[in-house]
Amino acid sequence: MGTVLGYLRPHGVRVACGVTVKFTAALLELVLPLLLEHIVDVSVPARDLAAIWICGGLMAALAFGAAFCNITANRMAAWVSMEVTKTLRGDLYSRTQRLSCAQMDRFSASSLVSRLTNDTYNVHQMFDKVQRGGIRAPMLVLGGLVLTFLLEPALAAVQLAVSLLTFLTIWRVTRRGIPHYAAAQEAGDTVVRIIRENASGVRVIKALAGQSRERRRFGEANEASRRAEETAGCVMAAANPLTDLLLNTGLVLVVLVGALRVDAGQMPPGQIVAFLSYFTLIQTATLGIAKVFIRISKGAASARRIEEILLEPEDQLLRTSEAASRAELGMEGVSFSYLGVERDLADVTFSLKKGETLGILGPTGSGKSTLAALLMRLYDAGEGVVWAGGRDVGSIPQAALRSRFGVVFQNEALLNDSVYENISFLRNIPREEVAAAAKTAQAWDFIQALPEGLDSRLDIRGANLSGGQRQRLLVARALAGKPAVLVLDSADSALDYATAAALRAAVRRDCPGVTLVVISERVASLRDADRILVLEEGRVTAQGTHGELLESCARYRRIAELQKGVLL
């Protein structure tokens, strides 16, 4: 939790001022019972009306002063909490963006969303409540105990005993509550994950009539989250009733002992009035401490989850390597595993010269997209070397490496923004270059047909476009950055054969020097490639040109025969 608390340091002066103002307000509140005792024991018996008015006026002034100080300190606390949370959330988001794909897989997207929203909110509430009640309440308790000991040690001993029991109770309950809140947060991550899956796959769920199953799955996760929250709430729910019981018991004892001592003439009646006032202050402050501890319990659990991300070490460090290759793109003995159990890629070797085309063919789950991810160092290879621009990708700074690539993944999303912004993708690419990329991607005709052309706004995930139109916009986005290497992962799956052929011809015509990596299930999309890899269960079972594979690879030949017209 120390890392999260460190975000308070830049606001130390304001926090110190807030503490000082809160301390002043607490002192003003603690003086009020003393003035009340003076009125009851001195001014009223003497029938000194002027003194009563003076003390009453002073009490009113102190009450207004305390209220003003509390309001001022609360506003300062709210400002500090908001600024700290804004900075914390910004740093957490920035660190999330720098996580490697392997780290993202380990934490899961739903958990990261929960940490950026629910957890930062809990930390905000913790900072806010601690600055408001976590300073004032202990001051009132300690100050009240000190003053009551000065007034009457016997009654003060009762208050001290009750306060110690109350603090012990709160500490024990809070200690048990923190782990339950952590479990509740994890259960909440599961709920967020299911909501994300349902939101992104709503069409598939409806098409397959899976609403009942998804409602049941969500209901089970929601029930698990409710049970976790209920368990945490049940533990923490004991705090307030137990403190009420202790404080009310103490109040009865104070009244009883005080009445006996007043009756015996051992203390003036004004002191018991003061004691009851202090006891009320202490009771209110102690209950405030219980609420603060609940906030601290939730905030501490959330802070630890946030620190897991902030303190996660970089796992893709820049390596020093003098090794070189003539290949513009390639692999040498590369193996890789997502979970470290079995290899998803095994002993992959190939090389590609600048301007050549690599085709990758294979069944679902054979490792085609994984191979492309390793080329861009989205993941680090477990064994072997991956080459890009004649260098080991591990020795190239990530910004420089990624700037060499333009890529279209299978499941890319479009923004709820204009067509121009979807292609430019926050890179401020000139409109003429965006238009040129759209023409190469065979997207310009349908863009011009839109009501406002490049300025037409797309729905979320491009829902107002067809599948083929979305794919062509994604290809245009990849081309707009003028990459040295263009990776097309099933980028023509929604295109008809004529449009796909026109797209391939336009890329070769308009981008003559680009090195092309094409992943496709269509032999027609790969037949002009300089090298084709046939993958099966993570292994390269054959590689060569289209003609060579027709002669040497039975699987490739069978696929080509099934896709009629490819051989013509």
Protein backbone atom coordinates (compact mmCIF):
# COMPACT_ATOMS: atom_id res chain seq x y z
CA MET A 1 0.00 0.00 0.00
CA GLY A 2 3.05 2.23 0.32
CA THR A 3 3.18 2.92 -3.41
CA VAL A 4 -0.39 4.22 -3.47
CA LEU A 5 0.17 6.31 -0.33
CA GLY A 6 3.16 7.88 -2.08
CA TYR A 7 0.74 9.70 -4.37
CA LEU A 8 -0.12 11.96 -1.42
CA ARG A 9 3.43 13.39 -1.22
CA PRO A 10 3.00 16.11 -3.89
CA HIS A 11 -0.02 17.37 -1.93
CA GLY A 12 1.69 17.20 1.45
CA VAL A 13 1.36 20.93 2.14
CA ARG A 14 -2.36 20.96 1.44
CA VAL A 15 -2.85 17.79 3.50
CA ALA A 16 -0.90 19.39 6.37
CA CYS A 17 -3.06 22.50 6.13
CA GLY A 18 -6.19 20.35 6.17
CA VAL A 19 -4.92 18.50 9.26
CA THR A 20 -4.19 21.80 10.99
CA VAL A 21 -7.66 23.14 10.20
CA LYS A 22 -9.26 19.89 11.39
CA PHE A 23 -7.16 20.05 14.56
CA THR A 24 -8.35 23.60 15.17
CA ALA A 25 -11.99 22.56 14.66
CA ALA A 26 -11.54 19.66 17.12
CA LEU A 27 -10.07 22.02 19.74
CA LEU A 28 -12.99 24.41 19.34
CA GLU A 29 -15.46 21.53 19.80
CA LEU A 30 -13.61 20.26 22.88
CA VAL A 31 -13.82 23.65 24.60
CA LEU A 32 -17.65 23.78 24.37
CA PRO A 33 -18.38 21.33 27.28
CA LEU A 34 -16.00 23.27 29.56
CA LEU A 35 -17.97 26.47 28.94
CA LEU A 36 -21.19 24.57 29.54
CA GLU A 37 -19.83 23.31 32.88
CA HIS A 38 -18.87 26.88 33.83
CA ILE A 39 -22.40 28.09 33.11
CA VAL A 40 -24.02 25.29 35.15
CA ASP A 41 -21.63 25.36 38.14
CA VAL A 42 -20.71 29.06 38.33
CA SER A 43 -22.93 31.43 36.37
CA VAL A 44 -26.34 29.85 37.09
CA PRO A 45 -25.85 29.52 40.90
CA ALA A 46 -24.57 33.13 41.00
CA ARG A 47 -27.52 34.27 38.85
CA ASP A 48 -25.00 36.17 36.70
CA LEU A 49 -27.09 36.74 33.58
CA ALA A 50 -24.35 38.73 31.85
CA ALA A 51 -21.84 35.91 32.31
CA ILE A 52 -24.39 33.45 30.96
CA TRP A 53 -24.88 35.58 27.84
CA ILE A 54 -21.13 35.99 27.39
CA CYS A 55 -20.45 32.26 27.75
CA GLY A 56 -23.43 31.43 25.52
CA GLY A 57 -22.23 33.86 22.85
CA LEU A 58 -18.72 32.44 23.07
CA MET A 59 -20.12 28.91 22.69
CA ALA A 60 -22.06 29.98 19.58
CA ALA A 61 -18.93 31.60 18.12
CA LEU A 62 -16.89 28.47 18.78
CA ALA A 63 -19.60 26.27 17.22
CA PHE A 64 -19.69 28.43 14.07
CA GLY A 65 -15.89 28.50 13.98
CA ALA A 66 -15.72 24.71 14.24
CA ALA A 67 -18.31 24.34 11.46
CA PHE A 68 -16.38 26.75 9.20
CA CYS A 69 -13.10 24.92 9.83
CA ASN A 70 -14.68 21.52 9.17
CA ILE A 71 -16.24 22.70 5.90
CA THR A 72 -12.94 24.21 4.76
CA ALA A 73 -10.96 21.08 5.68
CA ASN A 74 -13.53 18.82 3.98
CA ARG A 75 -13.24 20.79 0.76
CA MET A 76 -9.45 20.55 0.89
CA ALA A 77 -9.73 16.80 1.53
CA ALA A 78 -12.10 16.37 -1.42
CA TRP A 79 -9.73 18.29 -3.73
CA VAL A 80 -6.69 16.27 -2.64
CA SER A 81 -8.57 12.99 -3.01
CA MET A 82 -9.75 13.87 -6.52
CA GLU A 83 -6.29 14.99 -7.64
CA VAL A 84 -4.59 11.92 -6.17
CA THR A 85 -7.14 9.59 -7.76
CA LYS A 86 -6.81 11.33 -11.12
CA THR A 87 -3.04 10.93 -11.08
CA LEU A 88 -3.25 7.36 -9.79
CA ARG A 89 -5.78 6.36 -12.42
CA GLY A 90 -3.68 8.00 -15.13
CA ASP A 91 -0.53 6.16 -14.05
CA LEU A 92 -2.44 2.90 -13.73
CA TYR A 93 -3.86 3.33 -17.23
CA SER A 94 -0.42 4.19 -18.59
CA ARG A 95 1.13 1.13 -16.92
CA THR A 96 -1.69 -1.03 -18.25
CA GLN A 97 -0.89 0.17 -21.76
CA ARG A 98 2.75 -0.86 -21.26
CA LEU A 99 1.95 -4.37 -20.04
CA SER A 100 3.11 -7.05 -22.39
CA CYS A 101 0.53 -9.33 -23.98
CA ALA A 102 1.66 -12.14 -21.68
CA GLN A 103 1.04 -9.94 -18.63
CA MET A 104 -2.34 -8.85 -20.04
CA ASP A 105 -3.29 -12.51 -20.43
CA ARG A 106 -2.29 -13.23 -16.83
CA PHE A 107 -4.25 -10.34 -15.30
CA SER A 108 -7.19 -10.55 -17.77
CA ALA A 109 -8.93 -7.58 -19.37
CA SER A 110 -11.92 -7.73 -17.02
CA SER A 111 -9.67 -7.49 -13.96
CA LEU A 112 -7.80 -4.53 -15.42
CA VAL A 113 -11.10 -2.73 -16.11
CA SER A 114 -12.21 -3.40 -12.53
CA ARG A 115 -8.94 -2.06 -11.13
CA LEU A 116 -9.20 1.10 -13.22
CA THR A 117 -12.78 1.76 -12.09
CA ASN A 118 -13.93 0.10 -8.86
CA ASP A 119 -10.53 -0.08 -7.18
CA THR A 120 -9.54 3.52 -7.91
CA TYR A 121 -12.96 4.61 -6.59
CA ASN A 122 -12.39 2.68 -3.35
CA VAL A 123 -8.96 4.30 -2.96
CA HIS A 124 -10.52 7.72 -3.58
CA GLN A 125 -13.09 7.06 -0.86
CA MET A 126 -10.37 5.88 1.52
CA PHE A 127 -8.27 9.04 1.06
CA ASP A 128 -11.33 11.25 1.37
CA LYS A 129 -12.75 9.62 4.50
CA VAL A 130 -9.37 9.38 6.23
CA GLN A 131 -8.72 13.09 5.72
CA ARG A 132 -12.21 14.00 6.90
CA GLY A 133 -12.99 11.61 9.74
CA GLY A 134 -9.68 9.85 10.24
CA ILE A 135 -8.11 13.00 11.67
CA ARG A 136 -11.00 14.71 13.45
CA ALA A 137 -12.40 11.60 15.17
CA PRO A 138 -9.17 10.46 16.90
CA MET A 139 -8.51 14.04 18.00
CA LEU A 140 -11.94 14.25 19.61
CA VAL A 141 -11.49 10.88 21.31
CA LEU A 142 -8.00 11.62 22.65
CA GLY A 143 -8.80 15.23 23.53
CA GLY A 144 -12.02 14.23 25.25
CA LEU A 145 -10.24 11.56 27.31
CA VAL A 146 -7.49 13.97 28.38
CA LEU A 147 -9.93 16.66 29.46
CA THR A 148 -12.16 14.20 31.32
CA PHE A 149 -9.14 12.88 33.23
CA LEU A 150 -8.36 16.44 34.25
CA LEU A 151 -11.97 16.93 35.37
CA GLU A 152 -12.71 13.63 37.13
CA PRO A 153 -10.31 10.63 36.86
CA ALA A 154 -12.88 8.08 38.11
CA LEU A 155 -15.37 8.80 35.34
CA ALA A 156 -12.57 9.21 32.82
CA ALA A 157 -11.40 5.67 33.64
CA VAL A 158 -14.82 4.36 32.57
CA GLN A 159 -14.58 6.28 29.30
CA LEU A 160 -11.03 5.03 28.69
CA ALA A 161 -12.03 1.40 29.25
CA VAL A 162 -14.96 1.73 26.86
CA SER A 163 -12.77 3.44 24.24
CA LEU A 164 -10.07 0.75 24.44
CA LEU A 165 -12.68 -2.02 24.05
CA THR A 166 -14.18 -0.15 21.12
CA PHE A 167 -10.84 0.26 19.34
CA LEU A 168 -10.00 -3.40 19.93
CA THR A 169 -13.36 -4.45 18.51
CA ILE A 170 -12.95 -2.28 15.42
CA TRP A 171 -9.40 -3.55 14.86
CA ARG A 172 -10.43 -7.20 15.12
CA VAL A 173 -13.41 -6.76 12.81
CA THR A 174 -11.38 -4.81 10.26
CA ARG A 175 -8.57 -7.35 10.28
CA ARG A 176 -11.06 -10.07 9.39
CA GLY A 177 -12.85 -7.91 6.83
CA ILE A 178 -9.95 -6.96 4.54
CA PRO A 179 -9.41 -10.48 3.04
CA HIS A 180 -13.13 -10.80 2.39
CA TYR A 181 -13.17 -7.51 0.50
CA ALA A 182 -10.26 -8.75 -1.66
CA ALA A 183 -12.27 -11.89 -2.47
CA ALA A 184 -15.29 -9.75 -3.30
CA GLN A 185 -13.22 -7.72 -5.75
CA GLU A 186 -12.07 -10.90 -7.53
CA ALA A 187 -15.68 -12.07 -7.79
CA GLY A 188 -16.53 -8.67 -9.26
CA ASP A 189 -13.82 -9.18 -11.90
CA THR A 190 -15.65 -12.30 -13.07
CA VAL A 191 -18.92 -10.38 -13.41
CA VAL A 192 -17.18 -7.68 -15.48
CA ARG A 193 -15.58 -10.34 -17.70
CA ILE A 194 -18.94 -11.97 -18.45
CA ILE A 195 -20.53 -8.59 -19.19
CA ARG A 196 -17.70 -7.77 -21.62
CA GLU A 197 -18.05 -11.14 -23.34
CA ASN A 198 -21.82 -10.70 -23.69
CA ALA A 199 -21.50 -7.14 -24.97
CA SER A 200 -18.93 -8.06 -27.63
CA GLY A 201 -20.65 -11.32 -28.64
CA VAL A 202 -24.28 -10.21 -28.49
CA ARG A 203 -24.96 -11.08 -32.15
CA VAL A 204 -23.55 -14.58 -31.83
CA ILE A 205 -25.46 -15.18 -28.59
CA LYS A 206 -28.74 -14.13 -30.21
CA ALA A 207 -28.04 -16.02 -33.42
CA LEU A 208 -27.42 -19.25 -31.48
CA ALA A 209 -30.32 -18.63 -29.07
CA GLY A 210 -27.90 -18.61 -26.15
CA GLN A 211 -29.64 -15.94 -24.08
CA SER A 212 -30.89 -18.40 -21.45
CA ARG A 213 -27.47 -19.96 -21.02
CA GLU A 214 -25.78 -16.56 -20.76
CA ARG A 215 -28.38 -15.33 -18.26
CA ARG A 216 -27.71 -18.44 -16.20
CA ARG A 217 -23.94 -17.97 -16.42
CA PHE A 218 -24.24 -14.30 -15.47
CA GLY A 219 -26.65 -15.18 -12.66
CA GLU A 220 -24.17 -17.67 -11.19
CA ALA A 221 -21.32 -15.15 -11.32
CA ASN A 222 -23.57 -12.40 -9.95
CA GLU A 223 -24.65 -14.68 -7.11
CA ALA A 224 -21.02 -15.53 -6.32
CA SER A 225 -20.21 -11.81 -6.23
CA ARG A 226 -23.21 -11.18 -3.98
CA ARG A 227 -22.15 -13.93 -1.59
CA ALA A 228 -18.62 -12.53 -1.43
CA GLU A 229 -19.93 -9.02 -0.76
CA GLU A 230 -22.40 -10.43 1.77
CA THR A 231 -19.62 -12.26 3.62
CA ALA A 232 -17.51 -9.11 3.77
CA GLY A 233 -20.53 -7.04 4.76
CA CYS A 234 -21.56 -9.49 7.49
CA VAL A 235 -18.09 -9.34 9.02
CA MET A 236 -17.96 -5.55 8.94
CA ALA A 237 -21.62 -5.23 10.00
CA ALA A 238 -20.63 -6.26 13.51
CA ALA A 239 -18.57 -3.09 13.97
CA ASN A 240 -21.34 -0.51 14.51
CA PRO A 241 -23.66 -2.59 16.74
CA LEU A 242 -20.77 -3.69 18.97
CA THR A 243 -19.47 -0.14 19.33
CA ASP A 244 -23.01 1.09 20.05
CA LEU A 245 -23.37 -1.56 22.76
CA LEU A 246 -20.06 -0.65 24.37
CA LEU A 247 -20.64 3.09 24.20
CA ASN A 248 -24.20 2.90 25.51
CA THR A 249 -23.01 0.66 28.33
CA GLY A 250 -20.31 3.20 29.10
CA LEU A 251 -22.87 6.00 29.01
CA VAL A 252 -25.02 4.19 31.60
CA LEU A 253 -21.97 3.65 33.81
CA VAL A 254 -20.94 7.32 33.53
CA VAL A 255 -24.43 8.51 34.48
CA LEU A 256 -24.67 6.01 37.36
CA VAL A 257 -21.23 6.72 38.81
CA GLY A 258 -21.60 10.45 38.23
CA ALA A 259 -24.99 10.56 39.93
CA LEU A 260 -23.62 8.70 42.97
CA ARG A 261 -20.64 11.08 43.22
CA VAL A 262 -22.85 14.16 42.82
CA ASP A 263 -25.21 12.82 45.48
CA ALA A 264 -22.22 12.22 47.77
CA GLY A 265 -21.02 15.79 47.13
CA GLN A 266 -17.78 14.59 45.56
CA MET A 267 -18.30 16.46 42.26
CA PRO A 268 -20.43 19.39 41.08
CA PRO A 269 -23.44 18.70 38.80
CA GLY A 270 -21.89 20.75 36.00
CA GLN A 271 -19.11 18.19 35.61
CA ILE A 272 -21.54 15.35 34.91
CA VAL A 273 -23.15 17.57 32.26
CA ALA A 274 -19.70 18.15 30.76
CA PHE A 275 -18.95 14.44 30.97
CA LEU A 276 -22.15 13.59 29.09
CA SER A 277 -21.22 16.14 26.40
CA TYR A 278 -17.72 14.67 26.08
CA PHE A 279 -19.13 11.17 26.04
CA THR A 280 -21.44 12.16 23.18
CA LEU A 281 -18.46 13.60 21.28
CA ILE A 282 -16.40 10.49 21.93
CA GLN A 283 -19.31 8.24 20.94
CA THR A 284 -19.86 10.08 17.66
CA ALA A 285 -16.14 10.16 16.94
CA THR A 286 -15.73 6.46 17.70
CA LEU A 287 -18.54 5.56 15.32
CA GLY A 288 -16.84 7.77 12.76
CA ILE A 289 -13.62 5.83 13.28
CA ALA A 290 -15.53 2.58 12.65
CA LYS A 291 -16.79 3.95 9.32
CA VAL A 292 -13.29 5.12 8.40
CA PHE A 293 -11.91 1.68 9.17
CA ILE A 294 -14.47 0.11 6.84
CA ARG A 295 -13.34 2.47 4.09
CA ILE A 296 -9.73 1.67 4.89
CA SER A 297 -10.51 -2.06 4.65
CA LYS A 298 -11.95 -1.72 1.16
CA GLY A 299 -9.38 0.87 0.11
CA ALA A 300 -6.42 -1.21 1.33
CA ALA A 301 -7.67 -4.27 -0.59
CA SER A 302 -8.07 -2.15 -3.72
CA ALA A 303 -4.71 -0.44 -3.23
CA ARG A 304 -2.96 -3.80 -3.18
CA ARG A 305 -4.67 -4.79 -6.43
CA ILE A 306 -3.60 -1.50 -8.01
CA GLU A 307 -0.03 -1.94 -6.78
CA GLU A 308 0.12 -5.36 -8.45
CA ILE A 309 -0.13 -3.53 -11.78
CA LEU A 310 2.03 -0.51 -10.90
CA LEU A 311 4.84 -2.69 -9.50
CA GLU A 312 4.65 -5.37 -12.20
CA PRO A 313 8.19 -5.52 -13.62
CA GLU A 314 8.88 -5.03 -17.30
CA ASP A 315 9.21 -8.45 -18.91
CA GLN A 316 10.28 -7.37 -22.39
CA LEU A 317 13.57 -5.61 -21.69
CA LEU A 318 15.84 -4.45 -24.48
CA ARG A 319 18.52 -7.06 -25.12
CA THR A 320 22.05 -6.41 -26.30
CA SER A 321 22.71 -8.46 -29.40
CA GLU A 322 25.25 -8.01 -32.16
CA ALA A 323 23.84 -10.90 -34.18
CA ALA A 324 22.69 -9.96 -37.67
CA SER A 325 20.83 -11.57 -40.51
CA ARG A 326 20.38 -10.81 -44.16
CA ALA A 327 16.70 -11.51 -43.77
CA GLU A 328 14.29 -8.58 -43.61
CA LEU A 329 11.95 -10.84 -41.67
CA GLY A 330 12.44 -14.34 -40.36
CA MET A 331 12.73 -16.90 -37.60
CA GLU A 332 15.43 -19.35 -36.62
CA GLY A 333 14.51 -22.34 -34.46
CA VAL A 334 11.66 -20.45 -32.74
CA SER A 335 9.46 -22.19 -30.18
CA PHE A 336 6.79 -20.62 -28.00
CA SER A 337 4.19 -21.55 -25.38
CA TYR A 338 1.44 -19.33 -23.95
CA LEU A 339 1.05 -21.22 -20.68
CA GLY A 340 4.39 -22.99 -20.48
CA VAL A 341 2.71 -26.42 -20.62
CA GLU A 342 2.88 -27.43 -24.25
CA ARG A 343 4.36 -25.68 -27.26
CA ASP A 344 2.07 -23.60 -29.41
CA LEU A 345 4.89 -23.15 -31.93
CA ALA A 346 7.83 -25.52 -32.32
CA ASP A 347 11.10 -25.08 -34.22
CA VAL A 348 9.88 -22.56 -36.81
CA THR A 349 12.51 -21.41 -39.30
CA PHE A 350 12.13 -19.23 -42.39
CA SER A 351 13.57 -16.05 -43.91
CA LEU A 352 12.16 -13.33 -46.12
CA LYS A 353 13.91 -10.62 -48.10
CA LYS A 354 12.76 -7.03 -48.28
CA GLY A 355 9.74 -6.63 -50.53
CA GLU A 356 8.87 -10.34 -50.58
CA THR A 357 5.59 -11.89 -49.51
CA LEU A 358 5.15 -14.59 -46.90
CA GLY A 359 1.95 -16.65 -46.93
CA ILE A 360 0.82 -18.64 -43.88
CA LEU A 361 -1.79 -21.40 -44.23
CA GLY A 362 -3.10 -23.80 -41.63
CA PRO A 363 -6.18 -24.97 -39.74
CA THR A 364 -7.66 -23.10 -36.78
CA GLY A 365 -5.36 -23.29 -33.75
CA SER A 366 -2.27 -24.19 -35.75
CA GLY A 367 -0.35 -21.07 -34.58
CA LYS A 368 -0.73 -18.70 -37.53
CA SER A 369 -1.64 -15.59 -35.50
CA THR A 370 0.87 -16.56 -32.82
CA LEU A 371 3.65 -16.53 -35.43
CA ALA A 372 2.65 -13.02 -36.53
CA ALA A 373 2.54 -11.84 -32.89
CA LEU A 374 6.11 -13.07 -32.34
CA LEU A 375 7.32 -11.15 -35.40
CA MET A 376 6.11 -7.91 -33.77
CA ARG A 377 7.37 -9.02 -30.33
CA LEU A 378 3.92 -8.90 -28.81
CA TYR A 379 5.24 -12.02 -27.08
CA ASP A 380 8.83 -13.16 -26.55
CA ALA A 381 9.87 -16.43 -28.12
CA GLY A 382 10.75 -19.15 -25.64
CA GLU A 383 13.56 -20.43 -27.87
CA GLY A 384 15.27 -19.25 -31.03
CA VAL A 385 15.65 -15.85 -32.66
CA VAL A 386 13.10 -13.65 -34.45
CA TRP A 387 14.55 -11.32 -37.08
CA ALA A 388 13.21 -7.95 -38.26
CA GLY A 389 15.23 -5.59 -40.43
CA GLY A 390 18.24 -7.90 -40.08
CA ARG A 391 18.28 -7.61 -36.27
CA ASP A 392 17.05 -9.64 -33.33
CA VAL A 393 13.67 -8.12 -32.42
CA GLY A 394 14.70 -8.22 -28.76
CA SER A 395 17.47 -5.69 -29.49
CA ILE A 396 15.18 -3.18 -31.22
CA PRO A 397 13.35 -0.56 -29.09
CA GLN A 398 9.65 -1.36 -29.08
CA ALA A 399 8.61 2.00 -30.55
CA ALA A 400 11.02 1.57 -33.46
CA LEU A 401 10.01 -2.06 -33.98
CA ARG A 402 6.26 -1.46 -33.92
CA SER A 403 6.57 1.56 -36.23
CA ARG A 404 7.89 -0.81 -38.92
CA PHE A 405 4.65 -2.80 -38.93
CA GLY A 406 1.17 -2.20 -40.18
CA VAL A 407 -1.18 -4.93 -39.05
CA VAL A 408 -4.76 -6.08 -39.43
CA PHE A 409 -5.72 -8.60 -36.74
CA GLN A 410 -8.70 -10.94 -36.91
CA ASN A 411 -10.72 -9.18 -34.21
CA GLU A 412 -9.86 -5.50 -34.49
CA ALA A 413 -12.48 -2.92 -33.51
CA LEU A 414 -13.48 0.38 -35.07
CA LEU A 415 -13.95 3.53 -33.03
CA ASN A 416 -17.21 5.38 -32.55
CA ASP A 417 -15.76 8.27 -34.56
CA SER A 418 -15.40 9.54 -38.10
CA VAL A 419 -14.06 7.40 -40.94
CA TYR A 420 -11.00 9.66 -41.10
CA GLU A 421 -10.18 9.18 -37.40
CA ASN A 422 -10.65 5.43 -37.74
CA ILE A 423 -8.05 5.29 -40.49
CA SER A 424 -5.71 7.94 -39.05
CA PHE A 425 -6.11 6.34 -35.61
CA LEU A 426 -4.91 9.42 -33.66
CA ARG A 427 -1.74 9.68 -35.77
CA ASN A 428 -2.73 13.00 -37.44
CA ILE A 429 -2.13 11.56 -40.89
CA PRO A 430 -2.94 14.11 -43.67
CA ARG A 431 -6.32 13.57 -45.30
CA GLU A 432 -4.79 13.04 -48.74
CA GLU A 433 -2.69 10.17 -47.40
CA VAL A 434 -5.74 8.70 -45.68
CA ALA A 435 -7.63 8.90 -48.97
CA ALA A 436 -4.72 7.22 -50.81
CA ALA A 437 -4.65 4.39 -48.26
CA ALA A 438 -8.43 3.97 -48.61
CA LYS A 439 -8.10 3.72 -52.39
CA THR A 440 -5.40 1.05 -52.10
CA ALA A 441 -7.58 -0.85 -49.62
CA GLN A 442 -10.54 -0.75 -52.08
CA ALA A 443 -12.52 1.29 -49.56
CA TRP A 444 -12.69 4.66 -51.30
CA ASP A 445 -15.80 3.95 -53.37
CA PHE A 446 -18.05 3.09 -50.43
CA ILE A 447 -16.51 5.90 -48.31
CA GLN A 448 -17.50 8.43 -50.97
CA ALA A 449 -21.01 6.99 -50.97
CA LEU A 450 -21.41 7.74 -47.24
CA PRO A 451 -23.37 10.93 -46.41
CA GLU A 452 -20.30 12.91 -45.29
CA GLY A 453 -17.50 10.90 -46.86
CA LEU A 454 -14.43 10.74 -44.62
CA ASP A 455 -16.26 12.76 -41.99
CA SER A 456 -19.11 10.25 -41.68
CA ARG A 457 -19.41 8.88 -38.18
CA LEU A 458 -19.29 5.16 -37.51
CA ASP A 459 -21.32 3.35 -34.87
CA ILE A 460 -19.59 1.45 -32.07
CA ARG A 461 -17.42 -1.32 -33.56
CA GLY A 462 -18.49 -0.15 -37.03
CA ALA A 463 -21.96 -1.67 -36.67
CA ASN A 464 -23.34 0.49 -39.51
CA LEU A 465 -20.91 -1.10 -42.00
CA SER A 466 -20.83 -4.53 -43.56
CA GLY A 467 -18.13 -7.05 -42.63
CA GLY A 468 -16.26 -6.46 -45.88
CA GLN A 469 -16.40 -2.68 -45.46
CA ARG A 470 -15.01 -2.95 -41.94
CA GLN A 471 -12.15 -5.14 -43.15
CA ARG A 472 -11.22 -2.70 -45.90
CA LEU A 473 -11.19 0.20 -43.43
CA LEU A 474 -8.85 -1.81 -41.19
CA VAL A 475 -6.54 -2.49 -44.13
CA ALA A 476 -6.59 1.24 -44.94
CA ARG A 477 -5.64 1.98 -41.31
CA ALA A 478 -2.66 -0.37 -41.58
CA LEU A 479 -1.55 1.12 -44.91
CA ALA A 480 -1.95 4.76 -43.81
CA GLY A 481 1.15 4.55 -41.59
CA LYS A 482 3.31 3.55 -44.60
CA PRO A 483 4.76 0.47 -42.88
CA ALA A 484 7.84 -1.44 -43.96
CA VAL A 485 6.07 -4.70 -43.10
CA LEU A 486 2.35 -5.26 -43.63
CA VAL A 487 0.69 -8.13 -41.73
CA LEU A 488 -2.77 -9.18 -42.92
CA ASP A 489 -4.30 -11.75 -40.59
CA SER A 490 -7.39 -13.12 -42.37
CA ALA A 491 -7.97 -9.58 -43.67
CA ASP A 492 -9.87 -10.79 -46.74
CA SER A 493 -12.15 -13.34 -45.07
CA ALA A 494 -15.23 -11.14 -45.58
CA LEU A 495 -14.30 -10.05 -49.12
CA ASP A 496 -15.43 -11.65 -52.33
CA TYR A 497 -12.68 -13.14 -54.52
CA ALA A 498 -12.73 -10.26 -57.01
CA THR A 499 -12.36 -7.57 -54.33
CA ALA A 500 -9.67 -9.61 -52.54
CA ALA A 501 -7.73 -9.97 -55.79
CA ALA A 502 -8.06 -6.24 -56.50
CA LEU A 503 -6.82 -5.49 -52.96
CA ARG A 504 -3.73 -7.68 -53.38
CA ALA A 505 -2.93 -6.13 -56.76
CA ALA A 506 -3.36 -2.58 -55.39
CA VAL A 507 -1.06 -3.26 -52.42
CA ARG A 508 1.65 -4.58 -54.78
CA ARG A 509 1.15 -1.61 -57.14
CA ASP A 510 1.01 1.19 -54.56
CA CYS A 511 3.44 -0.25 -51.97
CA PRO A 512 6.23 -1.80 -54.06
CA GLY A 513 8.83 -2.00 -51.28
CA VAL A 514 6.63 -3.33 -48.50
CA THR A 515 7.30 -6.79 -47.05
CA LEU A 516 3.99 -8.61 -46.84
CA VAL A 517 2.82 -11.30 -44.40
CA VAL A 518 -0.53 -12.78 -45.39
CA ILE A 519 -2.43 -15.20 -43.15
CA SER A 520 -5.38 -16.71 -44.93
CA GLU A 521 -7.46 -19.83 -45.41
CA ARG A 522 -7.68 -19.05 -49.12
CA VAL A 523 -5.02 -20.52 -51.37
CA ALA A 524 -5.90 -17.81 -53.90
CA SER A 525 -4.69 -15.17 -51.44
CA LEU A 526 -1.32 -16.92 -51.06
CA ARG A 527 -0.51 -18.32 -54.49
CA ASP A 528 1.64 -15.32 -55.51
CA ALA A 529 3.65 -15.36 -52.25
CA ASP A 530 7.42 -15.83 -52.48
CA ARG A 531 7.24 -18.32 -49.60
CA ILE A 532 4.29 -20.16 -48.10
CA LEU A 533 4.37 -21.84 -44.70
CA VAL A 534 1.95 -24.70 -44.04
CA LEU A 535 1.34 -24.95 -40.30
CA GLU A 536 -0.17 -27.85 -38.40
CA GLU A 537 -0.30 -28.09 -34.60
CA GLY A 538 2.34 -25.39 -34.23
CA ARG A 539 4.85 -26.97 -36.63
CA VAL A 540 5.84 -26.01 -40.16
CA THR A 541 5.01 -29.19 -42.07
CA ALA A 542 5.98 -27.71 -45.44
CA GLN A 543 7.21 -24.48 -46.99
CA GLY A 544 7.90 -23.25 -50.51
CA THR A 545 6.21 -21.51 -53.40
CA HIS A 546 2.71 -22.30 -54.59
CA GLY A 547 4.00 -24.55 -57.37
CA GLU A 548 6.45 -26.36 -55.13
CA LEU A 549 3.81 -27.07 -52.50
CA LEU A 550 1.34 -28.40 -55.07
CA GLU A 551 3.93 -31.03 -55.92
CA SER A 552 5.41 -31.78 -52.49
CA CYS A 553 2.61 -31.18 -49.90
CA ALA A 554 -0.48 -33.37 -50.08
CA ARG A 555 -2.39 -31.26 -47.56
CA TYR A 556 -1.78 -28.06 -49.50
CA ARG A 557 -2.73 -29.75 -52.74
CA ARG A 558 -5.94 -31.07 -51.20
CA ILE A 559 -6.92 -27.59 -49.94
CA ALA A 560 -6.22 -26.12 -53.37
CA GLU A 561 -8.36 -28.76 -55.06
CA LEU A 562 -11.26 -28.10 -52.69
CA GLN A 563 -11.14 -24.36 -53.43
CA LYS A 564 -12.29 -24.61 -57.04
CA GLY A 565 -10.73 -22.41 -59.63
CA VAL A 566 -7.57 -21.70 -57.64
CA LEU A 567 -5.35 -23.68 -59.95
CA LEU A 568 -6.61 -21.98 -63.11
